[in-house]
């Protein structure tokens, strides 16, 4: 049954934050004087949440800790899952392994190499950070294998897009900030509308709507826009553009990763992965029309662009620009699109 919160929505913690906390506590047991009752970690933006231990086990040369995932008031399929990290010595450096219920990458186009456990880059950085910190505290070398497992994770993964993306065997360990912000369409779109209202009232000459923090930083730096010109669009391109069509502004830039901008170019108005998908047949038709290779078997839009070069990304940006023009119904004079990859490199840009 879906949880129905009342009042203010409560935020939660990502699987990556839980795995990091579990790793830190397990290292306390392996190198220190036993398991702590709770463990505190520092997230990428400086927050310091504290987690109670839900599972603990100690062997001759290993230790493991489980943290129960609390997604707050977000309807996250992993809410309540036990995220377990086992630590033991590695031959050299920090090594990541997928335990039961954590997927393994089998297709290209994802931020993790084929054959690697589906532990995303930021969680890897967070876990590596606590291993290095704990090694310094206890006078040890940071040669540690971290195995992350999630009991029941294989079944949970069937409720996600992991099988389609070629992630087999379980869920992914995710998170870029460590925080799960409660998902509320109405509240988010209302905040977008308020941002547009402020921009109109302030007579801003140029605003931008971006799909995430990386594209927002790229676009803001590119044009030198003030913070209040950055509209918190996220996945709700339709919510933003429909409102701007009725409350015109002189210029708008839409920025985002290649996957979400491809969906925008193909007509999606909600860019969330659970509510729209890239049409790879249409993407392949576009690639072939440009004299580029067949990408019908591509796993992601980023993989397609990696294989064909930025000419395809530029064409996607131009298609997205035309789509946005139609959605705005000529209410905005100047519209441009900025397409980036995961690192923030610009792949395509319209004038």
Protein backbone atom coordinates (compact mmCIF):
# COMPACT_ATOMS: atom_id res chain seq x y z
CA UNK A 1 0.00 0.00 0.00
CA UNK A 2 1.32 3.46 -0.88
CA UNK A 3 2.07 5.59 2.13
CA UNK A 4 0.00 8.78 2.20
CA UNK A 5 1.74 11.42 4.29
CA UNK A 6 -0.09 14.33 5.85
CA UNK A 7 1.38 17.75 6.53
CA UNK A 8 4.90 18.63 5.44
CA UNK A 9 6.66 15.91 3.46
CA UNK A 10 9.55 14.24 5.27
CA UNK A 11 12.81 13.69 3.38
CA UNK A 12 14.78 10.46 3.57
CA UNK A 13 18.17 8.95 2.74
CA UNK A 14 19.43 7.29 -0.43
CA UNK A 15 20.69 3.74 -0.71
CA UNK A 16 24.14 5.26 -1.26
CA UNK A 17 24.00 7.12 2.07
CA UNK A 18 22.84 3.94 3.85
CA UNK A 19 25.66 1.88 2.30
CA UNK A 20 28.18 4.54 3.33
CA UNK A 21 26.94 4.56 6.92
CA UNK A 22 26.98 0.76 7.03
CA UNK A 23 30.56 0.70 5.73
CA UNK A 24 31.74 3.19 8.35
CA UNK A 25 30.14 1.26 11.22
CA UNK A 26 31.49 -2.05 9.92
CA UNK A 27 35.01 -0.61 9.85
CA UNK A 28 34.58 0.53 13.45
CA UNK A 29 33.92 -3.10 14.35
CA UNK A 30 36.71 -4.50 12.17
CA UNK A 31 39.39 -2.07 13.31
CA UNK A 32 38.01 -0.66 16.55
CA UNK A 33 36.30 -1.90 19.68
CA UNK A 34 33.05 -3.32 18.39
CA UNK A 35 29.90 -2.03 16.75
CA UNK A 36 28.62 1.45 17.59
CA UNK A 37 24.94 1.88 18.48
CA UNK A 38 24.59 4.44 15.68
CA UNK A 39 26.77 5.99 13.02
CA UNK A 40 27.04 9.51 11.61
CA UNK A 41 28.32 10.35 8.13
CA UNK A 42 28.88 13.56 6.19
CA UNK A 43 26.97 13.89 2.91
CA UNK A 44 28.32 15.69 -0.21
CA UNK A 45 26.61 18.97 0.71
CA UNK A 46 27.65 18.88 4.35
CA UNK A 47 24.61 17.34 6.07
CA UNK A 48 25.46 14.93 8.89
CA UNK A 49 22.68 12.35 9.35
CA UNK A 50 22.87 9.67 12.01
CA UNK A 51 21.70 6.09 11.36
CA UNK A 52 20.84 3.37 13.88
CA UNK A 53 22.26 -0.07 13.12
CA UNK A 54 19.64 -2.64 12.09
CA UNK A 55 22.00 -5.59 11.56
CA UNK A 56 25.52 -6.45 12.68
CA UNK A 57 27.79 -9.46 12.33
CA UNK A 58 31.49 -9.99 12.97
CA UNK A 59 33.79 -12.70 11.59
CA UNK A 60 37.48 -13.48 11.98
CA UNK A 61 38.56 -11.02 9.31
CA UNK A 62 35.38 -9.29 8.26
CA UNK A 63 32.49 -7.28 9.64
CA UNK A 64 29.14 -6.30 8.24
CA UNK A 65 26.45 -3.79 9.16
CA UNK A 66 22.93 -3.25 7.84
CA UNK A 67 21.08 0.06 7.75
CA UNK A 68 17.33 0.20 7.09
CA UNK A 69 16.57 2.52 4.17
CA UNK A 70 14.21 5.32 5.18
CA UNK A 71 12.95 7.18 2.11
CA UNK A 72 10.94 9.64 4.17
CA UNK A 73 7.63 10.41 2.51
CA UNK A 74 8.87 9.54 -0.98
CA UNK A 75 7.09 6.52 -2.56
CA UNK A 76 10.45 4.80 -3.12
CA UNK A 77 10.39 1.05 -3.84
CA UNK A 78 13.46 0.59 -1.63
CA UNK A 79 11.86 2.20 1.44
CA UNK A 80 12.35 -0.21 4.35
CA UNK A 81 14.99 -2.28 2.56
CA UNK A 82 18.04 -3.41 4.54
CA UNK A 83 21.25 -2.08 2.98
CA UNK A 84 24.18 -4.24 4.13
CA UNK A 85 27.89 -3.50 3.72
CA UNK A 86 30.50 -6.16 4.49
CA UNK A 87 34.11 -5.04 4.80
CA UNK A 88 37.21 -7.22 4.58
CA UNK A 89 40.79 -6.86 3.46
CA UNK A 90 41.55 -6.50 -0.27
CA UNK A 91 44.86 -7.18 -1.97
CA UNK A 92 45.18 -3.54 -2.97
CA UNK A 93 43.02 -0.44 -2.71
CA UNK A 94 39.26 -0.10 -2.34
CA UNK A 95 37.29 -2.76 -4.21
CA UNK A 96 33.51 -2.87 -4.69
CA UNK A 97 31.54 -6.11 -4.96
CA UNK A 98 27.85 -6.79 -5.54
CA UNK A 99 26.31 -9.03 -2.92
CA UNK A 100 22.89 -10.64 -3.05
CA UNK A 101 20.22 -8.21 -4.24
CA UNK A 102 22.59 -5.67 -5.79
CA UNK A 103 22.74 -5.61 -9.56
CA UNK A 104 25.64 -5.97 -11.95
CA UNK A 105 25.96 -3.83 -15.09
CA UNK A 106 25.74 -5.88 -18.30
CA UNK A 107 25.20 -3.18 -20.95
CA UNK A 108 27.16 -0.10 -21.99
CA UNK A 109 25.82 3.43 -21.69
CA UNK A 110 25.61 3.64 -17.90
CA UNK A 111 28.00 5.57 -15.62
CA UNK A 112 29.46 2.27 -14.38
CA UNK A 113 31.48 -0.10 -16.59
CA UNK A 114 30.10 -3.43 -17.76
CA UNK A 115 30.80 -6.15 -15.22
CA UNK A 116 30.90 -3.76 -12.29
CA UNK A 117 28.42 -3.78 -9.40
CA UNK A 118 25.63 -1.24 -9.86
CA UNK A 119 26.99 1.13 -7.24
CA UNK A 120 26.87 4.58 -8.79
CA UNK A 121 29.80 7.05 -8.85
CA UNK A 122 28.79 9.30 -5.95
CA UNK A 123 28.04 6.43 -3.54
CA UNK A 124 31.43 4.97 -4.52
CA UNK A 125 33.06 8.29 -3.69
CA UNK A 126 31.22 8.49 -0.37
CA UNK A 127 32.13 4.92 0.60
CA UNK A 128 35.76 5.42 -0.49
CA UNK A 129 35.84 8.57 1.61
CA UNK A 130 34.81 6.82 4.82
CA UNK A 131 37.22 3.94 4.16
CA UNK A 132 40.07 6.43 3.80
CA UNK A 133 38.97 8.39 6.88
CA UNK A 134 38.57 5.30 9.04
CA UNK A 135 41.93 3.94 7.91
CA UNK A 136 43.57 7.16 9.08
CA UNK A 137 41.74 7.06 12.42
CA UNK A 138 42.78 3.47 13.14
CA UNK A 139 46.27 3.59 11.60
CA UNK A 140 45.37 1.13 8.86
CA UNK A 141 45.84 1.08 5.10
CA UNK A 142 42.74 1.65 2.97
CA UNK A 143 42.93 -1.77 1.31
CA UNK A 144 39.33 -2.83 1.78
CA UNK A 145 36.77 -4.81 -0.20
CA UNK A 146 33.24 -3.50 0.29
CA UNK A 147 30.44 -5.88 -0.61
CA UNK A 148 26.99 -4.30 -0.66
CA UNK A 149 23.92 -6.50 -0.50
CA UNK A 150 20.18 -5.94 -0.17
CA UNK A 151 17.99 -8.85 0.93
CA UNK A 152 15.08 -9.06 -1.50
CA UNK A 153 16.79 -6.64 -3.87
CA UNK A 154 16.32 -8.87 -6.90
CA UNK A 155 12.54 -8.70 -6.48
CA UNK A 156 12.64 -4.95 -5.81
CA UNK A 157 14.59 -4.44 -9.03
CA UNK A 158 11.66 -5.80 -11.03
CA UNK A 159 9.74 -2.67 -9.99
CA UNK A 160 12.45 -0.44 -11.47
CA UNK A 161 13.95 0.10 -14.94
CA UNK A 162 17.06 -1.93 -14.04
CA UNK A 163 16.11 -5.02 -16.10
CA UNK A 164 15.58 -2.88 -19.21
CA UNK A 165 18.88 -1.08 -18.63
CA UNK A 166 20.76 -4.35 -18.41
CA UNK A 167 21.39 -4.23 -14.67
CA UNK A 168 20.92 -7.82 -13.58
CA UNK A 169 20.58 -9.42 -10.18
CA UNK A 170 19.19 -6.61 -8.09
CA UNK A 171 18.82 -2.92 -7.40
CA UNK A 172 21.30 -0.10 -7.91
CA UNK A 173 22.98 1.78 -5.07
CA UNK A 174 22.12 5.37 -5.96
CA UNK A 175 22.21 8.99 -4.86
CA UNK A 176 24.05 12.18 -5.75
CA UNK A 177 23.37 14.13 -2.55
CA UNK A 178 22.57 11.32 -0.13
CA UNK A 179 19.11 12.79 0.43
CA UNK A 180 15.76 11.58 -0.91
CA UNK A 181 13.52 14.58 -1.40
CA UNK A 182 9.84 13.69 -1.18
CA UNK A 183 8.21 13.43 -4.58
CA UNK A 184 5.13 15.62 -4.89
CA UNK A 185 4.07 16.59 -8.41
CA UNK A 186 1.64 19.26 -7.27
CA UNK A 187 4.07 20.85 -4.83
CA UNK A 188 6.96 20.80 -7.32
CA UNK A 189 4.92 22.28 -10.17
CA UNK A 190 3.55 24.92 -7.82
CA UNK A 191 7.12 25.91 -6.97
CA UNK A 192 7.92 26.15 -10.69
CA UNK A 193 4.96 28.47 -11.17
CA UNK A 194 6.12 30.64 -8.30
CA UNK A 195 9.57 30.87 -9.84
CA UNK A 196 8.07 32.04 -13.13
CA UNK A 197 5.92 34.56 -11.30
CA UNK A 198 9.01 36.02 -9.62
CA UNK A 199 10.90 36.15 -12.91
CA UNK A 200 8.02 37.96 -14.64
CA UNK A 201 7.61 40.40 -11.76
CA UNK A 202 11.32 41.13 -11.74
CA UNK A 203 11.32 41.52 -15.53
CA UNK A 204 14.17 39.11 -15.95
CA UNK A 205 15.42 39.09 -19.55
CA UNK A 206 16.57 35.47 -19.47
CA UNK A 207 15.59 32.41 -17.39
CA UNK A 208 16.51 28.75 -17.54
CA UNK A 209 14.85 25.47 -16.67
CA UNK A 210 17.13 22.47 -16.16
CA UNK A 211 16.61 18.81 -15.45
CA UNK A 212 19.20 18.51 -12.68
CA UNK A 213 21.96 20.14 -10.67
CA UNK A 214 24.74 19.43 -13.20
CA UNK A 215 22.91 20.95 -16.17
CA UNK A 216 21.78 23.85 -13.98
CA UNK A 217 25.37 24.71 -13.07
CA UNK A 218 26.52 24.44 -16.69
CA UNK A 219 23.73 26.70 -17.98
CA UNK A 220 24.03 29.20 -15.14
CA UNK A 221 27.79 29.52 -15.65
CA UNK A 222 27.41 29.64 -19.43
CA UNK A 223 25.08 32.64 -19.36
CA UNK A 224 25.97 34.22 -16.02
CA UNK A 225 22.38 33.97 -14.79
CA UNK A 226 21.38 34.92 -11.25
CA UNK A 227 20.01 32.26 -8.92
CA UNK A 228 16.43 33.45 -9.20
CA UNK A 229 16.58 33.06 -12.99
CA UNK A 230 17.09 29.32 -12.52
CA UNK A 231 13.64 27.73 -12.53
CA UNK A 232 13.51 24.38 -10.71
CA UNK A 233 12.12 22.44 -13.68
CA UNK A 234 13.44 18.97 -12.88
CA UNK A 235 11.46 16.37 -14.83
CA UNK A 236 8.41 18.62 -15.21
CA UNK A 237 9.14 20.28 -18.54
CA UNK A 238 5.43 20.31 -19.37
CA UNK A 239 4.56 22.03 -16.10
CA UNK A 240 7.12 24.74 -16.78
CA UNK A 241 6.44 25.33 -20.46
CA UNK A 242 2.66 25.33 -20.14
CA UNK A 243 2.88 28.03 -17.48
CA UNK A 244 5.45 30.10 -19.36
CA UNK A 245 3.19 29.99 -22.42
CA UNK A 246 0.63 31.90 -20.33
CA UNK A 247 3.20 34.08 -18.53
CA UNK A 248 5.72 34.98 -21.23
CA UNK A 249 9.35 35.84 -20.66
CA UNK A 250 11.82 37.28 -23.22
CA UNK A 251 14.16 34.32 -23.31
CA UNK A 252 14.34 30.78 -21.91
CA UNK A 253 17.06 28.16 -21.98
CA UNK A 254 16.27 24.50 -21.37
CA UNK A 255 19.22 22.44 -20.20
CA UNK A 256 19.58 18.78 -19.42
CA UNK A 257 21.28 15.47 -19.94
CA UNK A 258 21.10 13.79 -23.31
CA UNK A 259 18.55 11.19 -22.17
CA UNK A 260 16.01 13.65 -20.81
CA UNK A 261 16.45 16.12 -23.68
CA UNK A 262 15.94 13.26 -26.15
CA UNK A 263 12.62 12.47 -24.47
CA UNK A 264 11.71 16.17 -24.58
CA UNK A 265 12.56 16.26 -28.30
CA UNK A 266 10.32 13.24 -28.85
CA UNK A 267 7.34 14.92 -27.20
CA UNK A 268 7.50 13.88 -23.52
CA UNK A 269 6.23 16.46 -21.03
CA UNK A 270 7.27 14.47 -17.94
CA UNK A 271 10.90 13.38 -18.17
CA UNK A 272 11.03 11.06 -15.17
CA UNK A 273 12.35 7.59 -15.99
CA UNK A 274 9.25 5.87 -14.62
CA UNK A 275 6.87 7.95 -16.74
CA UNK A 276 8.58 8.35 -20.12
CA UNK A 277 11.19 6.47 -22.10
CA UNK A 278 13.45 7.21 -25.06
CA UNK A 279 11.98 5.97 -28.35
CA UNK A 280 15.05 4.20 -29.72
CA UNK A 281 13.39 3.47 -33.06
CA UNK A 282 12.84 7.19 -33.59
CA UNK A 283 16.36 7.93 -32.35
CA UNK A 284 17.80 5.44 -34.83
CA UNK A 285 15.75 6.98 -37.66
CA UNK A 286 17.23 10.37 -36.79
CA UNK A 287 20.75 8.94 -36.68
CA UNK A 288 20.40 7.25 -40.08
CA UNK A 289 18.92 10.41 -41.62
CA UNK A 290 22.12 12.21 -40.64
CA UNK A 291 24.28 9.56 -42.28
CA UNK A 292 25.34 8.25 -38.88
CA UNK A 293 25.56 4.62 -37.72
CA UNK A 294 22.64 2.43 -36.74
CA UNK A 295 21.92 2.86 -33.01
CA UNK A 296 18.80 0.72 -32.77
CA UNK A 297 20.52 -1.56 -30.25
CA UNK A 298 21.76 1.29 -28.04
CA UNK A 299 20.93 0.92 -24.37
CA UNK A 300 20.76 4.66 -23.62
CA UNK A 301 20.70 7.92 -25.55
CA UNK A 302 24.16 8.67 -24.16
CA UNK A 303 25.47 5.42 -25.61
CA UNK A 304 23.97 6.33 -28.99
CA UNK A 305 25.68 9.73 -28.95
CA UNK A 306 28.95 8.19 -27.76
CA UNK A 307 28.87 5.87 -30.76
CA UNK A 308 27.86 8.45 -33.34
CA UNK A 309 29.44 11.68 -32.11
CA UNK A 310 28.01 15.06 -31.20
CA UNK A 311 26.28 15.52 -34.57
CA UNK A 312 23.45 13.40 -33.23
CA UNK A 313 23.34 15.34 -29.95
CA UNK A 314 23.15 18.60 -31.90
CA UNK A 315 20.24 17.28 -33.97
CA UNK A 316 18.45 16.21 -30.78
CA UNK A 317 18.96 19.71 -29.36
CA UNK A 318 17.48 21.24 -32.50
CA UNK A 319 14.49 18.88 -32.39
CA UNK A 320 13.95 19.76 -28.73
CA UNK A 321 14.08 23.45 -29.60
CA UNK A 322 11.32 23.01 -32.18
CA UNK A 323 9.26 20.99 -29.72
CA UNK A 324 9.62 23.68 -27.04
CA UNK A 325 8.64 26.38 -29.53
CA UNK A 326 5.40 24.53 -30.23
CA UNK A 327 4.68 24.07 -26.53
CA UNK A 328 5.27 27.75 -25.84
CA UNK A 329 3.00 28.78 -28.71
CA UNK A 330 5.23 31.71 -29.72
CA UNK A 331 4.96 33.22 -26.24
CA UNK A 332 8.75 33.41 -25.92
CA UNK A 333 10.89 35.07 -28.58
CA UNK A 334 14.24 33.42 -27.82
CA UNK A 335 14.54 29.72 -26.99
CA UNK A 336 17.71 27.70 -26.79
CA UNK A 337 18.64 24.19 -25.69
CA UNK A 338 21.81 22.99 -23.97
CA UNK A 339 22.54 19.24 -23.89
CA UNK A 340 25.23 17.81 -21.62
CA UNK A 341 26.68 14.47 -20.59
CA UNK A 342 26.96 13.26 -16.98
CA UNK A 343 30.22 15.14 -16.41
CA UNK A 344 28.74 18.44 -17.60
CA UNK A 345 30.42 18.49 -21.02
CA UNK A 346 28.24 20.25 -23.60
CA UNK A 347 27.22 17.83 -26.36
CA UNK A 348 24.84 20.10 -28.26
CA UNK A 349 23.62 23.67 -28.12
CA UNK A 350 21.16 25.65 -30.21
CA UNK A 351 21.24 29.35 -30.85
